[in-house]
N, C-alpha and C. Protein backbone atom coordinates (compact mmCIF):
# COMPACT_ATOMS: atom_id res chain seq x y z
N MET A 1 47.16 19.02 -26.19
CA MET A 1 47.24 18.91 -24.82
C MET A 1 45.97 19.44 -24.17
N ILE A 2 45.42 20.60 -24.62
CA ILE A 2 44.23 21.12 -24.03
C ILE A 2 43.13 20.20 -24.36
N VAL A 3 43.05 19.61 -25.61
CA VAL A 3 42.02 18.91 -26.11
C VAL A 3 41.89 17.59 -25.20
N ARG A 4 43.26 16.95 -24.85
CA ARG A 4 43.16 15.78 -24.10
C ARG A 4 42.62 15.99 -22.72
N ARG A 5 42.89 17.17 -22.15
CA ARG A 5 42.37 17.48 -20.74
C ARG A 5 40.83 17.78 -21.14
N THR A 6 40.34 18.36 -21.90
CA THR A 6 39.10 18.48 -22.09
C THR A 6 38.21 17.11 -22.31
N VAL A 7 38.74 16.34 -23.07
CA VAL A 7 38.18 14.92 -23.35
C VAL A 7 38.41 14.07 -21.99
N ARG A 8 39.36 14.26 -21.33
CA ARG A 8 39.44 13.63 -19.91
C ARG A 8 38.34 14.25 -19.06
N ALA A 9 38.13 15.41 -19.01
CA ALA A 9 37.16 16.09 -18.16
C ALA A 9 35.83 15.58 -18.52
N ILE A 10 35.49 15.49 -19.72
CA ILE A 10 34.19 15.24 -20.12
C ILE A 10 34.09 13.70 -19.98
N ALA A 11 35.02 12.71 -20.14
CA ALA A 11 34.98 11.51 -19.97
C ALA A 11 34.57 10.97 -18.42
N LEU A 12 35.04 11.88 -17.65
CA LEU A 12 34.69 11.76 -16.16
C LEU A 12 33.46 12.21 -15.63
N VAL A 13 33.20 13.38 -16.24
CA VAL A 13 31.89 13.99 -15.92
C VAL A 13 30.49 13.06 -16.42
N VAL A 14 30.78 12.82 -17.53
CA VAL A 14 29.30 12.09 -18.39
C VAL A 14 29.07 10.85 -17.59
N PRO A 15 29.75 9.98 -17.05
CA PRO A 15 29.57 8.75 -16.34
C PRO A 15 29.03 9.09 -14.95
N VAL A 16 29.48 10.10 -14.28
CA VAL A 16 29.15 10.54 -12.93
C VAL A 16 27.48 11.14 -13.18
N PHE A 17 27.46 11.98 -14.37
CA PHE A 17 26.09 12.43 -14.60
C PHE A 17 25.03 11.50 -14.82
N ALA A 18 25.41 10.49 -15.72
CA ALA A 18 24.57 9.57 -15.95
C ALA A 18 24.22 8.65 -14.94
N VAL A 19 25.20 8.37 -14.06
CA VAL A 19 24.83 7.52 -12.78
C VAL A 19 23.76 8.41 -11.97
N ALA A 20 24.06 9.55 -11.63
CA ALA A 20 23.14 10.54 -10.75
C ALA A 20 21.89 10.76 -11.49
N ALA A 21 21.81 10.63 -12.88
CA ALA A 21 20.60 11.00 -13.58
C ALA A 21 19.61 9.62 -13.52
N SER A 22 20.41 8.46 -13.64
CA SER A 22 19.78 7.36 -13.68
C SER A 22 19.09 6.89 -12.28
N THR A 23 19.95 7.09 -11.35
CA THR A 23 19.58 6.58 -9.68
C THR A 23 18.56 7.61 -9.32
N GLY A 24 18.70 8.86 -9.81
CA GLY A 24 17.71 10.07 -9.27
C GLY A 24 16.37 9.97 -9.92
N GLY A 25 16.57 9.39 -11.16
CA GLY A 25 15.39 9.37 -12.04
C GLY A 25 13.99 8.38 -11.46
N CYS A 26 14.35 7.79 -10.39
CA CYS A 26 13.33 6.88 -9.72
C CYS A 26 12.70 7.80 -8.83
N SER A 27 13.27 8.73 -8.31
CA SER A 27 12.70 9.58 -7.17
C SER A 27 12.35 10.81 -7.78
N SER A 28 11.21 11.39 -7.71
CA SER A 28 10.86 12.76 -8.03
C SER A 28 11.68 13.90 -7.41
N ASP A 29 11.93 13.73 -5.99
CA ASP A 29 12.28 14.86 -5.19
C ASP A 29 13.79 14.92 -5.36
N VAL A 30 14.56 13.92 -5.78
CA VAL A 30 16.05 14.09 -5.81
C VAL A 30 16.48 13.73 -7.47
N ASN A 31 15.62 14.25 -8.27
CA ASN A 31 16.05 13.96 -9.42
C ASN A 31 16.73 15.35 -10.12
N PRO A 32 18.17 15.16 -10.51
CA PRO A 32 18.93 16.47 -10.90
C PRO A 32 18.49 17.01 -12.19
N LEU A 33 18.00 15.93 -13.04
CA LEU A 33 17.63 16.38 -14.46
C LEU A 33 16.39 17.03 -14.30
N LYS A 34 15.43 16.41 -13.71
CA LYS A 34 14.41 17.30 -13.61
C LYS A 34 14.43 18.67 -12.68
N ALA A 35 15.39 18.85 -11.94
CA ALA A 35 15.58 20.17 -11.24
C ALA A 35 16.31 21.07 -12.24
N ALA A 36 17.34 20.60 -13.26
CA ALA A 36 17.69 21.53 -14.28
C ALA A 36 16.89 21.77 -15.09
N MET A 37 15.84 20.92 -15.55
CA MET A 37 14.80 21.41 -16.54
C MET A 37 13.78 22.32 -15.83
N VAL A 38 13.44 22.35 -14.77
CA VAL A 38 12.59 23.17 -14.03
C VAL A 38 13.28 24.45 -13.92
N GLY A 39 14.54 24.55 -13.54
CA GLY A 39 15.34 25.58 -13.39
C GLY A 39 15.37 26.39 -14.69
N ALA A 40 15.44 25.62 -15.96
CA ALA A 40 15.62 26.41 -17.06
C ALA A 40 14.40 26.75 -17.54
N GLY A 41 13.36 26.70 -16.86
CA GLY A 41 12.02 27.06 -17.20
C GLY A 41 11.34 26.11 -18.28
N SER A 42 11.64 25.01 -18.46
CA SER A 42 10.92 23.97 -19.37
C SER A 42 10.49 22.81 -18.80
N GLY A 43 10.56 22.67 -17.47
CA GLY A 43 10.22 21.23 -16.82
C GLY A 43 8.75 21.49 -16.18
N ILE A 44 8.30 20.41 -15.44
CA ILE A 44 7.11 20.56 -14.99
C ILE A 44 7.04 21.52 -13.67
N LYS A 45 6.15 22.53 -13.45
CA LYS A 45 6.29 23.30 -12.23
C LYS A 45 5.61 22.68 -11.30
N PRO A 46 6.12 22.84 -9.78
CA PRO A 46 5.57 22.18 -8.82
C PRO A 46 4.12 22.99 -8.58
N VAL A 47 3.11 22.30 -8.21
CA VAL A 47 1.52 22.64 -8.07
C VAL A 47 1.52 22.64 -6.64
N GLU A 48 0.90 23.74 -6.04
CA GLU A 48 0.48 23.93 -4.84
C GLU A 48 -0.89 23.19 -4.59
N ALA A 49 -1.01 22.66 -3.30
CA ALA A 49 -2.43 22.00 -3.01
C ALA A 49 -3.21 22.98 -3.15
N PRO A 50 -4.51 22.39 -3.56
CA PRO A 50 -5.82 23.21 -3.20
C PRO A 50 -6.03 23.68 -1.79
N ASP A 51 -6.94 24.73 -1.49
CA ASP A 51 -7.12 25.04 -0.20
C ASP A 51 -7.82 24.20 0.39
N PHE A 52 -8.88 23.34 0.03
CA PHE A 52 -9.49 22.60 0.65
C PHE A 52 -8.57 21.34 1.19
N VAL A 53 -7.62 20.93 0.39
CA VAL A 53 -6.61 19.91 0.82
C VAL A 53 -5.60 20.23 1.90
N ALA A 54 -5.04 21.62 1.82
CA ALA A 54 -4.35 22.16 2.66
C ALA A 54 -4.88 22.37 4.04
N GLN A 55 -6.51 22.81 4.03
CA GLN A 55 -7.19 22.98 5.17
C GLN A 55 -7.45 21.56 5.80
N SER A 56 -7.46 20.59 5.12
CA SER A 56 -7.94 19.10 5.71
C SER A 56 -6.71 18.47 6.27
N ARG A 57 -5.47 18.83 5.96
CA ARG A 57 -4.46 18.14 6.48
C ARG A 57 -3.95 18.69 7.92
N LYS A 58 -3.45 17.73 8.87
CA LYS A 58 -3.24 18.24 10.07
C LYS A 58 -1.98 18.84 9.95
N SER A 59 -1.67 20.00 10.73
CA SER A 59 -0.67 20.64 10.60
C SER A 59 0.55 20.03 11.61
N ASP A 60 0.28 19.17 12.46
CA ASP A 60 1.11 18.43 13.30
C ASP A 60 1.08 16.86 13.15
N ALA A 61 0.97 16.63 11.99
CA ALA A 61 0.77 15.33 11.51
C ALA A 61 2.22 14.59 11.91
N GLY A 62 2.45 13.52 12.73
CA GLY A 62 3.46 12.86 13.16
C GLY A 62 3.67 11.62 12.32
N TYR A 63 4.02 11.48 11.09
CA TYR A 63 4.29 10.37 10.45
C TYR A 63 5.44 9.64 11.11
N MET A 64 5.25 8.26 11.04
CA MET A 64 6.12 7.31 11.50
C MET A 64 7.41 7.25 10.53
N PRO A 65 8.50 7.34 10.75
CA PRO A 65 9.82 7.19 9.82
C PRO A 65 9.84 5.79 9.16
N VAL A 66 10.31 5.54 8.10
CA VAL A 66 10.12 4.40 7.28
C VAL A 66 11.21 3.61 8.10
N GLY A 67 10.95 2.11 8.40
CA GLY A 67 12.05 1.35 8.86
C GLY A 67 11.71 1.20 10.27
N GLU A 68 11.00 2.00 11.03
CA GLU A 68 10.73 1.71 12.49
C GLU A 68 9.61 0.89 12.78
N SER A 69 9.46 0.38 13.68
CA SER A 69 8.23 -0.43 14.09
C SER A 69 7.43 0.27 14.96
N ALA A 70 6.17 0.23 14.69
CA ALA A 70 5.07 0.85 15.35
C ALA A 70 5.02 0.61 16.86
N PRO A 71 5.07 1.71 17.67
CA PRO A 71 4.90 1.49 19.04
C PRO A 71 3.84 0.66 19.58
N GLN A 72 4.14 -0.08 20.50
CA GLN A 72 3.42 -1.19 21.16
C GLN A 72 2.48 -0.44 21.98
N ARG A 73 1.33 -1.21 21.89
CA ARG A 73 -0.09 -0.52 22.62
C ARG A 73 -0.28 -1.44 23.72
N ALA A 74 -0.46 -0.99 24.86
CA ALA A 74 -0.81 -1.75 26.18
C ALA A 74 -2.35 -2.52 25.85
N VAL A 75 -2.15 -3.94 25.89
CA VAL A 75 -3.64 -4.67 25.60
C VAL A 75 -3.94 -5.45 27.06
N ARG A 76 -5.08 -4.65 27.37
CA ARG A 76 -5.79 -5.17 28.47
C ARG A 76 -6.12 -6.71 28.48
N ALA A 77 -5.95 -7.56 29.42
CA ALA A 77 -6.64 -8.88 29.60
C ALA A 77 -8.14 -8.69 29.91
N ARG A 78 -8.92 -9.63 29.34
CA ARG A 78 -10.33 -9.56 29.62
C ARG A 78 -10.39 -10.15 30.98
N ASN A 79 -11.48 -9.68 31.82
CA ASN A 79 -11.67 -10.43 33.30
C ASN A 79 -12.49 -11.60 32.99
N SER A 80 -12.75 -12.23 33.89
CA SER A 80 -13.70 -13.64 33.62
C SER A 80 -14.85 -13.43 33.09
N ALA A 81 -15.49 -12.37 33.59
CA ALA A 81 -16.89 -12.26 32.92
C ALA A 81 -16.90 -11.83 31.54
N GLY A 82 -15.94 -11.03 31.22
CA GLY A 82 -15.87 -10.57 29.76
C GLY A 82 -15.29 -11.80 28.80
N GLN A 83 -14.53 -12.75 29.47
CA GLN A 83 -14.13 -13.94 28.77
C GLN A 83 -15.25 -14.89 28.54
N SER A 84 -16.16 -15.06 29.50
CA SER A 84 -17.25 -15.79 29.54
C SER A 84 -18.42 -15.18 28.47
N ALA A 85 -18.35 -13.85 28.54
CA ALA A 85 -19.37 -13.16 27.46
C ALA A 85 -18.83 -13.38 25.98
N LEU A 86 -17.40 -13.21 25.79
CA LEU A 86 -16.95 -13.59 24.33
C LEU A 86 -16.98 -14.97 24.02
N GLN A 87 -16.88 -15.77 24.92
CA GLN A 87 -16.94 -17.44 24.52
C GLN A 87 -18.55 -17.61 24.17
N ALA A 88 -19.27 -17.21 24.93
CA ALA A 88 -20.99 -17.45 24.59
C ALA A 88 -21.32 -16.74 23.27
N GLU A 89 -20.67 -15.47 23.06
CA GLU A 89 -20.89 -14.88 21.78
C GLU A 89 -20.38 -15.67 20.64
N LEU A 90 -19.26 -16.15 20.90
CA LEU A 90 -18.60 -17.00 19.66
C LEU A 90 -19.27 -18.39 19.45
N GLU A 91 -19.76 -18.92 20.49
CA GLU A 91 -20.32 -20.37 20.38
C GLU A 91 -21.69 -20.01 19.70
N GLY A 92 -22.39 -18.93 19.97
CA GLY A 92 -23.74 -18.58 19.40
C GLY A 92 -23.51 -18.26 17.78
N ALA A 93 -22.59 -17.75 17.38
CA ALA A 93 -21.90 -17.41 16.10
C ALA A 93 -21.84 -18.78 15.31
N ARG A 94 -20.94 -19.70 16.24
CA ARG A 94 -20.75 -21.08 15.59
C ARG A 94 -22.06 -21.80 15.27
N ASN A 95 -23.04 -21.66 16.21
CA ASN A 95 -24.39 -22.38 16.15
C ASN A 95 -25.17 -21.91 15.20
N ARG A 96 -25.14 -20.60 14.73
CA ARG A 96 -25.92 -19.95 13.78
C ARG A 96 -25.30 -20.41 12.31
N ASN A 97 -24.09 -20.50 12.31
CA ASN A 97 -23.43 -20.85 11.04
C ASN A 97 -23.63 -22.27 10.68
N GLU A 98 -23.61 -23.15 11.77
CA GLU A 98 -23.86 -24.63 11.52
C GLU A 98 -25.35 -24.73 11.03
N SER A 99 -26.10 -23.95 11.71
CA SER A 99 -27.71 -24.27 11.38
C SER A 99 -27.87 -23.61 9.79
N LYS A 100 -27.22 -22.58 9.49
CA LYS A 100 -27.22 -22.15 8.03
C LYS A 100 -26.63 -23.06 7.29
N GLY A 101 -25.60 -23.79 7.47
CA GLY A 101 -25.12 -24.63 6.48
C GLY A 101 -25.93 -25.87 6.34
N ARG A 102 -26.84 -26.16 7.48
CA ARG A 102 -27.64 -27.45 7.41
C ARG A 102 -28.83 -27.13 6.55
N ALA A 103 -29.33 -25.88 6.82
CA ALA A 103 -30.53 -25.30 5.88
C ALA A 103 -29.98 -25.38 4.45
N ALA A 104 -28.90 -24.95 4.17
CA ALA A 104 -28.46 -24.74 2.82
C ALA A 104 -28.21 -26.13 2.07
N GLU A 105 -27.76 -27.15 2.99
CA GLU A 105 -27.43 -28.65 2.33
C GLU A 105 -28.85 -29.24 2.17
N GLY A 106 -29.84 -29.00 3.07
CA GLY A 106 -31.15 -29.56 2.73
C GLY A 106 -31.93 -28.96 1.71
N ALA A 107 -31.69 -27.52 1.27
CA ALA A 107 -32.38 -27.07 0.22
C ALA A 107 -31.69 -27.55 -1.07
N ALA A 108 -30.34 -27.76 -1.04
CA ALA A 108 -29.67 -28.23 -2.19
C ALA A 108 -30.23 -29.69 -2.59
N LYS A 109 -30.28 -30.47 -1.55
CA LYS A 109 -30.68 -31.91 -1.80
C LYS A 109 -32.35 -31.89 -2.42
N ASN A 110 -33.07 -30.93 -1.86
CA ASN A 110 -34.44 -30.89 -2.30
C ASN A 110 -34.37 -30.42 -3.66
N ALA A 111 -33.61 -29.45 -4.39
CA ALA A 111 -33.62 -29.12 -5.47
C ALA A 111 -32.89 -30.01 -6.39
N ALA A 112 -32.32 -30.73 -5.91
CA ALA A 112 -31.36 -31.93 -6.69
C ALA A 112 -32.38 -33.12 -6.93
N GLN A 113 -33.67 -33.29 -6.23
CA GLN A 113 -34.17 -34.39 -6.33
C GLN A 113 -34.99 -34.45 -7.72
N GLY A 114 -35.02 -35.70 -8.29
CA GLY A 114 -35.56 -35.82 -9.73
C GLY A 114 -34.64 -35.17 -10.74
N LEU A 115 -33.63 -34.92 -10.54
CA LEU A 115 -32.72 -34.68 -11.75
C LEU A 115 -31.70 -35.73 -11.95
N ALA A 116 -31.57 -36.01 -13.17
CA ALA A 116 -30.59 -37.20 -13.40
C ALA A 116 -29.46 -36.45 -14.10
N PRO A 117 -28.04 -37.13 -13.79
CA PRO A 117 -27.00 -36.63 -14.44
C PRO A 117 -26.98 -36.71 -16.06
N ASN A 118 -26.52 -35.86 -16.75
CA ASN A 118 -26.32 -35.88 -18.24
C ASN A 118 -25.55 -36.86 -18.58
N PRO A 119 -26.08 -37.86 -19.61
CA PRO A 119 -25.24 -38.75 -19.94
C PRO A 119 -24.11 -38.37 -20.88
N VAL A 120 -23.11 -39.26 -20.75
CA VAL A 120 -21.82 -38.50 -21.34
C VAL A 120 -21.93 -39.26 -22.76
N GLU A 121 -21.47 -38.37 -23.82
CA GLU A 121 -21.44 -39.06 -25.03
C GLU A 121 -20.22 -39.60 -25.65
């Protein structure tokens, strides 16, 4: 009778422990097996951050929780002068890129003059 109760208790505890160990095994901060090993003195001991690391961290670092969207920042619209300046800057960049493309194409044509394609055997 006592043996049956012990076997039943073990039969119930082992699957629960196995599930806890396997699901907690993926996360280092909630691993019951690791906590038991460290408590027994044979696990990996937690290491404190070196002084230069601890000093370089902000004490009031406000990290955004996982699953939340970033707060929206106000975006100012450009005035007409800023919009015209941006348009002129982009058009200038486009013209420079097109002229570089034409120069590269001309250089490739000049380099290819006099070359014959290899005959296929």
